[in-house]
Amino acid sequence: MDLKNYQKRFMQSYQLRTDNGGNFIARHDGETVYLYDARDYREITTFRDTEYVSQIRFSADGKYLAAKSIEPELAVYDLKKLELASLVDFEDTGAAQDGKFCFSPDNKYIYNIVSFEDGSNAIARIDIKRQTYQLIFQFENCRFEDAEYLPWRDVYLFGGIDQTSQKYFVLEYGVKNDKFRRVMLDWEYDFFIPVPALEAFVSVAANKIYILAADYITPLKVFAPVDDGTTHLNFFNIISESPTLHNIFSADQEEYDRMKKASEKDKLEVPVEGDITAVAIPRNLKHIFVATNNALKIFDFQRLRLFRQLKLHNIADINFGPGDGTVLIGTWNYGYVYKMADILK
């Protein structure tokens, strides 16, 4: 596939989101949240109510869009009125707010991970209408990262690490009984992703992908999609490929020769494919998309065999449009929308 055959390319969009109804696409550049028509990519409006936006998310019914800042703010927008519905400020945290968040099914609340200066976290329940919040769980030396609502269980799931024991865990919260249940895991993970179509989970640890059963522990499938091989890189060659850098360093010929000799002796050992940076499974469960530092690898989900590999660098995020008709890929430079049929050609 020619990667230039995209439907739309957005500037500065490492995170693209579409609502479940296929009406909107949202992106942000850190300062502004942009909302587009998902059919013709026409810009509908922009929101600038908070700075340093790091995450955006639609509600399940597509009626609201939330934007979280690394500053202690979270904004919620009414997409029917195209206006700010709520803005909550988490005061006196003293830390960047990079934890995840999720909507409740009825859009009354957002469950948000709040970070504090001492490295600990808490789970906050935000009342969207009242623009207030309550800390509902805080445990000493626990750091949370993930926040998801599991519709097949009617519980909220938070992933994290006990910093005292250095053990990873998942924490369930049932609203009906107002109880938390913690399950300790036997490994360290980089991602922990619910797969509603399977009623199961995907975990990424040490460049291996685990498809886990509903108990969060039992592996149903395990595979290693990344080549762990390494190669040796001559840093001096990188400098020489840039005319500007070459002119700077070659001005002193003696120093230039010394650097060249030293770099040939002490080459850098770097991985061939790099680390896994994103994983996504479409709703039809036909494929699993795996991004590394320098490639997009698509596997047959049932056989776990490589189906397609595309050279695309610095992928930060992958998700899918309604009915798996489109693939939204965010990189650190651009955001792309592709047709699924074109990606799989």
Protein backbone atom coordinates (compact mmCIF):
# COMPACT_ATOMS: atom_id res chain seq x y z
CA MET A 1 0.00 0.00 0.00
CA ASP A 2 1.10 3.56 -0.74
CA LEU A 3 0.92 5.35 2.62
CA LYS A 4 0.24 8.60 0.75
CA ASN A 5 -3.16 7.16 -0.16
CA TYR A 6 -4.78 8.54 2.98
CA GLN A 7 -8.26 10.03 3.19
CA LYS A 8 -7.09 12.92 5.35
CA ARG A 9 -3.87 14.12 6.96
CA PHE A 10 -3.88 16.42 9.97
CA MET A 11 -0.95 18.45 11.25
CA GLN A 12 0.35 17.90 14.81
CA SER A 13 -2.12 15.14 15.64
CA TYR A 14 -0.63 12.24 17.56
CA GLN A 15 -4.11 11.47 18.90
CA LEU A 16 -7.19 11.21 16.65
CA ARG A 17 -10.59 10.11 17.93
CA THR A 18 -13.93 9.34 16.28
CA ASP A 19 -17.26 8.85 18.00
CA ASN A 20 -19.12 5.53 17.83
CA GLY A 21 -21.80 7.00 15.57
CA GLY A 22 -19.32 8.09 12.93
CA ASN A 23 -20.36 11.75 13.07
CA PHE A 24 -17.21 13.42 14.34
CA ILE A 25 -13.44 13.26 14.33
CA ALA A 26 -11.58 15.11 17.06
CA ARG A 27 -7.92 15.98 17.42
CA HIS A 28 -5.79 18.38 19.42
CA ASP A 29 -2.43 20.07 19.11
CA GLY A 30 -1.91 20.73 22.81
CA GLU A 31 -3.46 24.19 22.73
CA THR A 32 -6.64 23.72 20.69
CA VAL A 33 -9.20 20.92 20.35
CA TYR A 34 -10.53 20.59 16.79
CA LEU A 35 -13.85 18.99 15.81
CA TYR A 36 -14.50 17.79 12.25
CA ASP A 37 -17.33 16.23 10.27
CA ALA A 38 -16.30 12.58 9.88
CA ARG A 39 -17.77 12.35 6.38
CA ASP A 40 -16.12 15.25 4.56
CA TYR A 41 -13.48 16.28 7.17
CA ARG A 42 -14.90 19.80 7.30
CA GLU A 43 -13.88 21.69 10.43
CA ILE A 44 -16.97 22.25 12.57
CA THR A 45 -15.51 24.19 15.48
CA THR A 46 -12.55 24.58 17.81
CA PHE A 47 -12.31 24.72 21.60
CA ARG A 48 -9.66 26.64 23.56
CA ASP A 49 -10.77 26.45 27.18
CA THR A 50 -7.71 24.75 28.62
CA GLU A 51 -4.00 24.72 27.81
CA TYR A 52 -1.60 21.79 27.39
CA VAL A 53 -4.25 19.27 26.34
CA SER A 54 -2.83 15.75 26.40
CA GLN A 55 -5.90 13.51 25.96
CA ILE A 56 -9.32 13.66 24.32
CA ARG A 57 -12.21 11.20 24.49
CA PHE A 58 -15.81 10.92 23.27
CA SER A 59 -18.62 9.63 25.45
CA ALA A 60 -20.01 6.26 24.33
CA ASP A 61 -23.06 7.89 22.71
CA GLY A 62 -21.06 10.66 21.04
CA LYS A 63 -22.92 13.46 22.80
CA TYR A 64 -19.89 14.77 24.68
CA LEU A 65 -16.18 15.23 24.14
CA ALA A 66 -13.75 15.57 27.04
CA ALA A 67 -10.29 17.13 26.94
CA LYS A 68 -7.76 16.60 29.72
CA SER A 69 -4.81 18.89 30.29
CA ILE A 70 -1.49 18.09 31.92
CA GLU A 71 -2.37 21.15 33.96
CA PRO A 72 -4.97 20.19 36.60
CA GLU A 73 -8.00 20.78 34.34
CA LEU A 74 -10.56 18.66 32.52
CA ALA A 75 -13.07 20.19 30.09
CA VAL A 76 -16.27 18.58 28.77
CA TYR A 77 -18.02 19.81 25.63
CA ASP A 78 -21.66 19.40 24.62
CA LEU A 79 -21.51 18.39 20.94
CA LYS A 80 -25.14 19.23 20.23
CA LYS A 81 -24.75 22.80 21.45
CA LEU A 82 -21.05 22.93 20.50
CA GLU A 83 -20.19 24.63 23.76
CA LEU A 84 -18.36 24.07 27.03
CA ALA A 85 -20.52 22.04 29.40
CA SER A 86 -18.12 21.64 32.30
CA LEU A 87 -14.65 22.67 33.44
CA VAL A 88 -13.13 21.12 36.55
CA ASP A 89 -9.90 22.29 38.15
CA PHE A 90 -7.96 19.88 40.39
CA GLU A 91 -6.26 22.23 42.82
CA ASP A 92 -3.02 21.79 44.75
CA THR A 93 -1.87 18.60 43.02
CA GLY A 94 1.63 19.84 42.21
CA ALA A 95 2.05 17.31 39.39
CA ALA A 96 1.42 16.86 35.67
CA GLN A 97 -1.93 15.17 35.03
CA ASP A 98 -1.19 12.32 32.63
CA GLY A 99 -3.49 9.56 33.98
CA LYS A 100 -6.38 8.25 31.88
CA PHE A 101 -10.11 8.93 32.30
CA CYS A 102 -13.45 7.55 31.10
CA PHE A 103 -17.13 8.52 30.95
CA SER A 104 -19.91 6.76 32.83
CA PRO A 105 -22.52 5.19 30.47
CA ASP A 106 -25.14 7.80 31.43
CA ASN A 107 -22.72 10.73 30.94
CA LYS A 108 -23.31 11.96 34.49
CA TYR A 109 -19.75 11.32 35.63
CA ILE A 110 -16.17 11.06 34.50
CA TYR A 111 -13.80 8.77 36.39
CA ASN A 112 -10.40 10.41 36.30
CA ILE A 113 -6.95 9.54 37.61
CA VAL A 114 -5.48 12.45 39.57
CA SER A 115 -1.71 12.68 40.07
CA PHE A 116 0.05 14.24 43.07
CA GLU A 117 3.50 15.69 43.68
CA ASP A 118 4.68 12.71 45.75
CA GLY A 119 4.12 10.34 42.80
CA SER A 120 0.89 8.85 44.13
CA ASN A 121 -2.51 8.86 42.40
CA ALA A 122 -6.16 8.88 43.32
CA ILE A 123 -9.35 8.06 41.46
CA ALA A 124 -11.75 10.99 41.24
CA ARG A 125 -15.42 10.92 40.26
CA ILE A 126 -16.34 14.13 38.44
CA ASP A 127 -19.96 15.29 38.45
CA ILE A 128 -20.16 16.83 34.98
CA LYS A 129 -23.29 18.93 35.58
CA ARG A 130 -22.22 20.28 38.98
CA GLN A 131 -18.58 20.70 37.92
CA THR A 132 -17.38 19.15 41.17
CA TYR A 133 -15.34 16.06 42.02
CA GLN A 134 -14.84 13.58 44.83
CA LEU A 135 -11.81 11.36 45.47
CA ILE A 136 -13.26 7.86 45.78
CA PHE A 137 -10.07 5.81 46.06
CA GLN A 138 -6.59 6.67 47.24
CA PHE A 139 -4.06 4.18 48.55
CA GLU A 140 -0.58 5.01 49.74
CA ASN A 141 2.19 4.37 47.20
CA CYS A 142 -0.20 3.30 44.43
CA ARG A 143 0.14 4.78 40.96
CA PHE A 144 -2.71 4.38 38.47
CA GLU A 145 -2.42 4.64 34.69
CA ASP A 146 -5.46 3.18 32.92
CA ALA A 147 -9.19 3.92 33.27
CA GLU A 148 -11.91 2.11 31.33
CA TYR A 149 -15.58 1.23 31.69
CA LEU A 150 -16.34 -2.46 30.99
CA PRO A 151 -19.93 -2.64 29.66
CA TRP A 152 -20.11 -6.43 29.81
CA ARG A 153 -19.44 -6.33 33.55
CA ASP A 154 -20.83 -2.91 34.43
CA VAL A 155 -17.65 -2.06 36.32
CA TYR A 156 -14.82 0.42 35.95
CA LEU A 157 -11.28 -0.85 35.54
CA PHE A 158 -8.14 0.95 36.66
CA GLY A 159 -4.65 -0.40 36.07
CA GLY A 160 -1.67 0.51 38.18
CA ILE A 161 1.37 -0.39 40.24
CA ASP A 162 1.95 -0.77 43.96
CA GLN A 163 5.19 1.19 44.30
CA THR A 164 6.09 -0.46 47.61
CA SER A 165 6.03 -4.04 46.33
CA GLN A 166 6.63 -3.05 42.68
CA LYS A 167 3.71 -5.29 41.72
CA TYR A 168 1.27 -4.41 38.96
CA PHE A 169 -2.46 -4.79 39.50
CA VAL A 170 -5.91 -4.04 38.11
CA LEU A 171 -8.61 -2.49 40.26
CA GLU A 172 -12.31 -3.06 39.62
CA TYR A 173 -14.92 -0.63 40.89
CA GLY A 174 -18.57 -1.69 40.94
CA VAL A 175 -20.91 1.29 41.20
CA LYS A 176 -23.93 -0.75 42.29
CA ASN A 177 -22.21 -2.20 45.35
CA ASP A 178 -19.72 0.68 45.71
CA LYS A 179 -16.86 -1.79 46.20
CA PHE A 180 -13.33 -2.09 44.88
CA ARG A 181 -11.62 -5.37 44.00
CA ARG A 182 -7.89 -5.56 43.37
CA VAL A 183 -6.25 -8.32 41.33
CA MET A 184 -2.45 -8.58 41.50
CA LEU A 185 -0.65 -9.47 38.27
CA ASP A 186 2.45 -11.59 37.81
CA TRP A 187 4.18 -9.34 35.28
CA GLU A 188 4.94 -5.73 34.45
CA TYR A 189 2.91 -4.36 31.57
CA ASP A 190 3.21 -1.37 29.24
CA PHE A 191 -0.40 -1.40 28.02
CA PHE A 192 -3.56 -2.99 29.40
CA ILE A 193 -6.43 -2.72 26.92
CA PRO A 194 -10.01 -4.08 27.18
CA VAL A 195 -11.38 -5.87 24.11
CA PRO A 196 -15.20 -5.71 24.47
CA ALA A 197 -15.87 -7.97 21.48
CA LEU A 198 -13.91 -10.74 23.23
CA GLU A 199 -14.84 -9.78 26.79
CA ALA A 200 -11.12 -10.13 27.37
CA PHE A 201 -7.99 -8.00 27.59
CA VAL A 202 -4.74 -7.29 25.78
CA SER A 203 -1.57 -6.72 27.75
CA VAL A 204 1.80 -5.71 26.34
CA ALA A 205 4.86 -6.60 28.39
CA ALA A 206 8.51 -6.76 27.30
CA ASN A 207 7.50 -6.54 23.61
CA LYS A 208 5.19 -9.55 23.93
CA ILE A 209 1.42 -9.40 23.51
CA TYR A 210 -0.83 -11.35 25.85
CA ILE A 211 -4.51 -11.96 25.13
CA LEU A 212 -5.91 -12.47 28.63
CA ALA A 213 -9.08 -14.14 29.85
CA ALA A 214 -11.74 -12.36 31.91
CA ASP A 215 -9.83 -13.09 35.14
CA TYR A 216 -7.02 -10.74 33.92
CA ILE A 217 -4.45 -13.48 34.52
CA THR A 218 -4.99 -16.53 32.29
CA PRO A 219 -3.28 -16.10 28.89
CA LEU A 220 -5.42 -17.22 25.94
CA LYS A 221 -2.77 -16.30 23.37
CA VAL A 222 0.80 -15.05 23.60
CA PHE A 223 3.01 -13.92 20.75
CA ALA A 224 6.09 -11.81 20.09
CA PRO A 225 5.44 -9.49 17.12
CA VAL A 226 8.76 -7.64 17.29
CA ASP A 227 12.17 -8.77 16.07
CA ASP A 228 14.49 -8.50 19.08
CA GLY A 229 17.55 -8.40 16.84
CA THR A 230 19.92 -5.46 17.02
CA THR A 231 22.18 -3.64 14.59
CA HIS A 232 25.18 -1.37 15.04
CA LEU A 233 24.80 2.28 14.13
CA ASN A 234 27.67 4.60 13.29
CA PHE A 235 26.63 7.95 14.74
CA PHE A 236 29.20 9.75 12.61
CA ASN A 237 27.45 8.57 9.44
CA ILE A 238 24.27 10.27 10.60
CA ILE A 239 26.16 13.54 11.03
CA SER A 240 27.79 13.17 7.62
CA GLU A 241 24.41 12.79 5.89
CA SER A 242 23.44 16.31 6.93
CA PRO A 243 25.20 18.99 4.84
CA THR A 244 24.75 21.55 7.63
CA LEU A 245 26.21 19.32 10.34
CA HIS A 246 28.97 18.14 8.01
CA ASN A 247 30.07 21.72 7.36
CA ILE A 248 30.08 22.51 11.08
CA PHE A 249 32.13 19.50 12.16
CA SER A 250 34.52 19.44 9.18
CA ALA A 251 35.60 23.03 9.81
CA ASP A 252 38.18 21.57 12.21
CA GLN A 253 39.70 18.76 10.14
CA GLU A 254 41.74 17.33 13.02
CA GLU A 255 38.67 17.10 15.28
CA TYR A 256 36.64 15.74 12.36
CA ASP A 257 39.10 12.88 11.81
CA ARG A 258 39.19 12.12 15.54
CA MET A 259 35.39 11.88 15.76
CA LYS A 260 35.20 9.70 12.68
CA LYS A 261 37.75 7.25 14.07
CA ALA A 262 36.07 7.15 17.49
CA SER A 263 32.59 6.55 16.07
CA GLU A 264 33.78 3.66 13.91
CA LYS A 265 35.26 2.05 17.01
CA ASP A 266 32.30 2.65 19.35
CA LYS A 267 29.21 1.98 17.26
CA LEU A 268 25.83 2.21 18.95
CA GLU A 269 23.85 -1.01 19.33
CA VAL A 270 20.20 -0.29 18.53
CA PRO A 271 17.16 -2.56 18.06
CA VAL A 272 16.14 -3.34 14.49
CA GLU A 273 12.43 -2.71 15.04
CA GLY A 274 12.33 -0.90 18.37
CA ASP A 275 9.61 -1.22 20.98
CA ILE A 276 5.87 -1.66 20.71
CA THR A 277 4.30 1.80 20.90
CA ALA A 278 0.61 1.02 20.25
CA VAL A 279 -1.73 -1.97 19.87
CA ALA A 280 -5.31 -2.03 18.59
CA ILE A 281 -7.81 -4.74 17.65
CA PRO A 282 -10.78 -3.91 15.38
CA ARG A 283 -14.25 -4.93 16.49
CA ASN A 284 -14.49 -7.69 13.88
CA LEU A 285 -11.47 -9.44 15.47
CA LYS A 286 -9.92 -10.20 12.08
CA HIS A 287 -6.59 -8.48 12.67
CA ILE A 288 -4.37 -7.03 15.35
CA PHE A 289 -2.49 -3.82 14.57
CA VAL A 290 0.92 -3.43 16.23
CA ALA A 291 3.00 -0.26 15.96
CA THR A 292 6.72 -0.18 16.65
CA ASN A 293 9.13 2.74 16.50
CA ASN A 294 9.48 2.41 12.75
CA ALA A 295 6.70 0.21 11.36
CA LEU A 296 3.03 -0.72 11.42
CA LYS A 297 2.63 -4.50 11.55
CA ILE A 298 -0.75 -6.11 10.88
CA PHE A 299 -1.32 -9.70 11.99
CA ASP A 300 -4.07 -12.21 11.31
CA PHE A 301 -5.71 -12.31 14.72
CA GLN A 302 -6.71 -15.97 14.67
CA ARG A 303 -3.40 -17.36 13.41
CA LEU A 304 -1.15 -14.58 14.75
CA ARG A 305 0.72 -14.53 11.46
CA LEU A 306 2.10 -11.37 9.90
CA PHE A 307 -0.33 -10.18 7.23
CA ARG A 308 1.12 -6.81 6.23
CA GLN A 309 3.97 -4.55 7.29
CA LEU A 310 4.10 -0.85 6.45
CA LYS A 311 6.99 1.52 7.04
CA LEU A 312 5.55 4.31 9.18
CA HIS A 313 7.64 5.99 11.88
CA ASN A 314 6.80 7.35 15.33
CA ILE A 315 3.27 5.95 15.69
CA ALA A 316 1.78 7.00 19.01
CA ASP A 317 -1.84 5.91 18.68
CA ILE A 318 -4.13 3.63 16.63
CA ASN A 319 -7.91 3.32 16.69
CA PHE A 320 -10.77 2.53 14.34
CA GLY A 321 -13.85 4.25 12.99
CA PRO A 322 -17.41 2.85 13.19
CA GLY A 323 -17.78 -0.57 11.62
CA ASP A 324 -14.00 -0.74 11.26
CA GLY A 325 -14.33 1.18 8.01
CA THR A 326 -11.44 3.52 8.77
CA VAL A 327 -8.13 3.39 10.61
CA LEU A 328 -7.00 6.47 12.52
CA ILE A 329 -3.24 6.65 13.09
CA GLY A 330 -1.57 9.33 15.15
CA THR A 331 2.16 10.00 14.85
CA TRP A 332 4.28 12.65 16.53
CA ASN A 333 4.13 14.73 13.34
CA TYR A 334 0.81 14.00 11.65
CA GLY A 335 -2.51 12.26 12.12
CA TYR A 336 -3.83 10.09 9.28
CA VAL A 337 -7.20 8.65 8.34
CA TYR A 338 -7.07 5.61 6.06
CA LYS A 339 -9.73 3.35 4.67
CA MET A 340 -9.40 -0.09 6.24
CA ALA A 341 -9.70 -1.67 2.78
CA ASP A 342 -6.72 0.35 1.54
CA ILE A 343 -4.56 -0.51 4.57
CA LEU A 344 -5.21 -4.22 4.03
CA LYS A 345 -4.45 -4.22 0.28
